[in-house]
Amino acid sequence: MKYVTLDGGKYRIVERSKTTNYGYIIYPSEKNKFIGTVGIRKGVTGKDEFDTYIHEFLHGCARFADEAWVHKTANDISNALWE
């Protein structure tokens, strides 16, 4: 299993087939033994996968940020790096 650290929190990376979104994040808490989850929908590949990882990692690093900011920033970063 792969793990990342985002803003001091530990997250495991998982692939899930039963999610309608490209990705999701569950923040570390006492309930989950202080290990969060970044989930990516199984079958998402290429630039969509790349963008989804950036999007979810931004959520982990900037919990204060609203969805519109995360979405725009993830797209900007993935477009800049993918080209």
N, C-alpha and C. Protein backbone atom coordinates (compact mmCIF):
# COMPACT_ATOMS: atom_id res chain seq x y z
N MET A 1 0.84 -1.17 0.00
CA MET A 1 0.00 0.00 0.00
C MET A 1 0.89 1.25 0.00
N LYS A 2 0.48 2.24 -0.75
CA LYS A 2 1.25 3.47 -0.86
C LYS A 2 0.68 4.53 0.08
N TYR A 3 1.58 5.30 0.71
CA TYR A 3 1.20 6.37 1.63
C TYR A 3 1.87 7.67 1.21
N VAL A 4 1.21 8.79 1.49
CA VAL A 4 1.78 10.12 1.29
C VAL A 4 1.53 10.94 2.55
N THR A 5 2.35 11.96 2.73
CA THR A 5 2.14 12.91 3.83
C THR A 5 1.77 14.25 3.22
N LEU A 6 0.64 14.79 3.67
CA LEU A 6 0.12 16.07 3.18
C LEU A 6 -0.15 16.96 4.38
N ASP A 7 0.51 18.07 4.46
CA ASP A 7 0.34 19.02 5.56
C ASP A 7 0.45 18.33 6.92
N GLY A 8 1.40 17.42 7.02
CA GLY A 8 1.66 16.73 8.28
C GLY A 8 0.78 15.53 8.55
N GLY A 9 -0.23 15.28 7.72
CA GLY A 9 -1.12 14.13 7.90
C GLY A 9 -0.75 12.98 6.98
N LYS A 10 -0.90 11.77 7.48
CA LYS A 10 -0.58 10.58 6.69
C LYS A 10 -1.85 10.09 5.98
N TYR A 11 -1.72 9.79 4.70
CA TYR A 11 -2.83 9.31 3.88
C TYR A 11 -2.40 8.07 3.11
N ARG A 12 -3.29 7.09 3.06
CA ARG A 12 -3.04 5.95 2.18
C ARG A 12 -3.72 6.23 0.85
N ILE A 13 -3.15 5.70 -0.21
CA ILE A 13 -3.69 5.86 -1.56
C ILE A 13 -4.40 4.57 -1.92
N VAL A 14 -5.66 4.68 -2.34
CA VAL A 14 -6.44 3.49 -2.71
C VAL A 14 -7.14 3.72 -4.03
N GLU A 15 -7.43 2.63 -4.73
CA GLU A 15 -8.26 2.64 -5.93
C GLU A 15 -9.60 2.03 -5.56
N ARG A 16 -10.67 2.69 -5.95
CA ARG A 16 -12.00 2.19 -5.61
C ARG A 16 -12.87 2.14 -6.86
N SER A 17 -13.60 1.07 -7.01
CA SER A 17 -14.51 0.95 -8.15
C SER A 17 -15.91 1.47 -7.82
N LYS A 18 -16.21 1.59 -6.53
CA LYS A 18 -17.55 2.00 -6.13
C LYS A 18 -17.61 3.47 -5.71
N THR A 19 -17.12 4.35 -6.56
CA THR A 19 -17.26 5.78 -6.32
C THR A 19 -17.66 6.44 -7.64
N THR A 20 -18.56 7.39 -7.57
CA THR A 20 -19.02 8.06 -8.78
C THR A 20 -18.09 9.22 -9.16
N ASN A 21 -17.39 9.77 -8.18
CA ASN A 21 -16.43 10.85 -8.45
C ASN A 21 -15.11 10.25 -8.92
N TYR A 22 -14.30 11.07 -9.56
CA TYR A 22 -12.96 10.61 -9.93
C TYR A 22 -12.12 10.33 -8.70
N GLY A 23 -12.33 11.10 -7.63
CA GLY A 23 -11.55 10.91 -6.43
C GLY A 23 -12.24 11.47 -5.21
N TYR A 24 -11.67 11.17 -4.05
CA TYR A 24 -12.21 11.68 -2.79
C TYR A 24 -11.11 11.68 -1.75
N ILE A 25 -11.35 12.37 -0.64
CA ILE A 25 -10.39 12.39 0.45
C ILE A 25 -11.14 12.21 1.77
N ILE A 26 -10.56 11.42 2.65
CA ILE A 26 -11.04 11.28 4.02
C ILE A 26 -9.88 11.75 4.90
N TYR A 27 -10.12 12.78 5.68
CA TYR A 27 -9.06 13.39 6.48
C TYR A 27 -8.70 12.49 7.67
N PRO A 28 -7.41 12.53 8.07
CA PRO A 28 -7.00 11.78 9.26
C PRO A 28 -7.78 12.25 10.49
N SER A 29 -8.16 11.32 11.33
CA SER A 29 -8.85 11.65 12.57
C SER A 29 -8.60 10.55 13.59
N GLU A 30 -9.03 10.80 14.80
CA GLU A 30 -8.89 9.78 15.84
C GLU A 30 -9.65 8.51 15.45
N LYS A 31 -10.80 8.69 14.79
CA LYS A 31 -11.64 7.57 14.39
C LYS A 31 -10.91 6.60 13.44
N ASN A 32 -10.10 7.14 12.53
CA ASN A 32 -9.39 6.28 11.58
C ASN A 32 -7.90 6.15 11.93
N LYS A 33 -7.61 6.23 13.22
CA LYS A 33 -6.25 6.07 13.75
C LYS A 33 -5.27 7.05 13.13
N PHE A 34 -5.78 8.23 12.81
CA PHE A 34 -4.98 9.33 12.28
C PHE A 34 -4.31 9.01 10.94
N ILE A 35 -4.93 8.12 10.18
CA ILE A 35 -4.48 7.85 8.81
C ILE A 35 -5.66 8.11 7.89
N GLY A 36 -5.51 9.11 7.02
CA GLY A 36 -6.57 9.45 6.08
C GLY A 36 -6.48 8.59 4.83
N THR A 37 -7.38 8.86 3.90
CA THR A 37 -7.43 8.11 2.64
C THR A 37 -7.61 9.07 1.49
N VAL A 38 -6.83 8.86 0.44
CA VAL A 38 -7.07 9.50 -0.85
C VAL A 38 -7.50 8.38 -1.78
N GLY A 39 -8.73 8.46 -2.26
CA GLY A 39 -9.25 7.42 -3.14
C GLY A 39 -9.38 7.93 -4.56
N ILE A 40 -8.99 7.09 -5.50
CA ILE A 40 -9.11 7.39 -6.92
C ILE A 40 -9.98 6.31 -7.54
N ARG A 41 -10.93 6.72 -8.38
CA ARG A 41 -11.81 5.75 -9.03
C ARG A 41 -11.01 4.83 -9.95
N LYS A 42 -11.23 3.55 -9.81
CA LYS A 42 -10.56 2.56 -10.65
C LYS A 42 -10.90 2.82 -12.11
N GLY A 43 -9.89 2.78 -12.95
CA GLY A 43 -10.09 3.01 -14.38
C GLY A 43 -9.80 4.42 -14.84
N VAL A 44 -9.61 5.35 -13.92
CA VAL A 44 -9.23 6.72 -14.30
C VAL A 44 -7.75 6.68 -14.63
N THR A 45 -7.40 7.14 -15.82
CA THR A 45 -6.01 7.06 -16.28
C THR A 45 -5.59 8.36 -16.94
N GLY A 46 -4.31 8.42 -17.28
CA GLY A 46 -3.78 9.55 -18.05
C GLY A 46 -3.91 10.87 -17.33
N LYS A 47 -4.25 11.89 -18.10
CA LYS A 47 -4.33 13.25 -17.56
C LYS A 47 -5.43 13.36 -16.50
N ASP A 48 -6.53 12.65 -16.67
CA ASP A 48 -7.60 12.69 -15.66
C ASP A 48 -7.10 12.15 -14.32
N GLU A 49 -6.33 11.08 -14.34
CA GLU A 49 -5.76 10.54 -13.11
C GLU A 49 -4.78 11.53 -12.48
N PHE A 50 -3.91 12.09 -13.30
CA PHE A 50 -2.93 13.07 -12.85
C PHE A 50 -3.63 14.26 -12.18
N ASP A 51 -4.65 14.80 -12.87
CA ASP A 51 -5.40 15.94 -12.34
C ASP A 51 -6.12 15.58 -11.04
N THR A 52 -6.66 14.37 -10.97
CA THR A 52 -7.39 13.95 -9.77
C THR A 52 -6.46 13.83 -8.57
N TYR A 53 -5.27 13.28 -8.76
CA TYR A 53 -4.31 13.23 -7.65
C TYR A 53 -3.97 14.63 -7.17
N ILE A 54 -3.69 15.54 -8.08
CA ILE A 54 -3.37 16.91 -7.69
C ILE A 54 -4.55 17.53 -6.94
N HIS A 55 -5.75 17.33 -7.46
CA HIS A 55 -6.96 17.87 -6.83
C HIS A 55 -7.10 17.37 -5.39
N GLU A 56 -7.00 16.07 -5.19
CA GLU A 56 -7.17 15.51 -3.85
C GLU A 56 -6.01 15.89 -2.92
N PHE A 57 -4.79 15.94 -3.46
CA PHE A 57 -3.65 16.37 -2.65
C PHE A 57 -3.81 17.82 -2.20
N LEU A 58 -4.36 18.66 -3.06
CA LEU A 58 -4.62 20.05 -2.66
C LEU A 58 -5.61 20.10 -1.51
N HIS A 59 -6.64 19.27 -1.55
CA HIS A 59 -7.57 19.21 -0.42
C HIS A 59 -6.83 18.85 0.86
N GLY A 60 -5.90 17.91 0.77
CA GLY A 60 -5.14 17.50 1.94
C GLY A 60 -4.21 18.57 2.47
N CYS A 61 -3.69 19.39 1.55
CA CYS A 61 -2.73 20.44 1.95
C CYS A 61 -3.42 21.75 2.33
N ALA A 62 -4.62 21.95 1.84
CA ALA A 62 -5.30 23.24 2.04
C ALA A 62 -6.77 23.00 2.41
N ARG A 63 -6.99 22.46 3.58
CA ARG A 63 -8.36 22.13 4.01
C ARG A 63 -9.28 23.35 4.04
N PHE A 64 -8.69 24.52 4.22
CA PHE A 64 -9.46 25.77 4.28
C PHE A 64 -10.03 26.15 2.92
N ALA A 65 -9.49 25.62 1.85
CA ALA A 65 -9.84 26.06 0.50
C ALA A 65 -11.20 25.50 0.07
N ASP A 66 -11.95 26.33 -0.64
CA ASP A 66 -13.23 25.85 -1.14
C ASP A 66 -13.03 25.05 -2.43
N GLU A 67 -14.07 24.33 -2.80
CA GLU A 67 -13.99 23.43 -3.96
C GLU A 67 -13.65 24.16 -5.25
N ALA A 68 -14.19 25.35 -5.44
CA ALA A 68 -13.91 26.11 -6.67
C ALA A 68 -12.42 26.41 -6.78
N TRP A 69 -11.79 26.83 -5.69
CA TRP A 69 -10.35 27.12 -5.71
C TRP A 69 -9.55 25.86 -5.97
N VAL A 70 -9.89 24.78 -5.29
CA VAL A 70 -9.17 23.52 -5.49
C VAL A 70 -9.30 23.06 -6.94
N HIS A 71 -10.49 23.11 -7.48
CA HIS A 71 -10.73 22.66 -8.86
C HIS A 71 -9.91 23.48 -9.85
N LYS A 72 -9.97 24.80 -9.74
CA LYS A 72 -9.24 25.67 -10.66
C LYS A 72 -7.74 25.50 -10.51
N THR A 73 -7.25 25.45 -9.29
CA THR A 73 -5.81 25.34 -9.04
C THR A 73 -5.29 23.99 -9.52
N ALA A 74 -6.02 22.92 -9.27
CA ALA A 74 -5.61 21.59 -9.74
C ALA A 74 -5.54 21.57 -11.26
N ASN A 75 -6.52 22.16 -11.93
CA ASN A 75 -6.51 22.22 -13.39
C ASN A 75 -5.32 23.03 -13.90
N ASP A 76 -5.06 24.17 -13.28
CA ASP A 76 -3.94 25.01 -13.69
C ASP A 76 -2.62 24.25 -13.55
N ILE A 77 -2.43 23.60 -12.40
CA ILE A 77 -1.18 22.87 -12.16
C ILE A 77 -1.04 21.70 -13.12
N SER A 78 -2.10 20.91 -13.27
CA SER A 78 -1.99 19.74 -14.14
C SER A 78 -1.77 20.14 -15.59
N ASN A 79 -2.41 21.23 -16.04
CA ASN A 79 -2.18 21.69 -17.41
C ASN A 79 -0.74 22.16 -17.60
N ALA A 80 -0.20 22.86 -16.62
CA ALA A 80 1.17 23.36 -16.73
C ALA A 80 2.17 22.22 -16.75
N LEU A 81 1.95 21.20 -15.92
CA LEU A 81 2.91 20.10 -15.83
C LEU A 81 2.73 19.03 -16.90
N TRP A 82 1.52 18.87 -17.39
CA TRP A 82 1.24 17.79 -18.35
C TRP A 82 1.80 18.12 -19.73
N GLU A 83 1.81 19.40 -20.09
CA GLU A 83 2.22 19.80 -21.44
C GLU A 83 3.66 19.59 -21.73
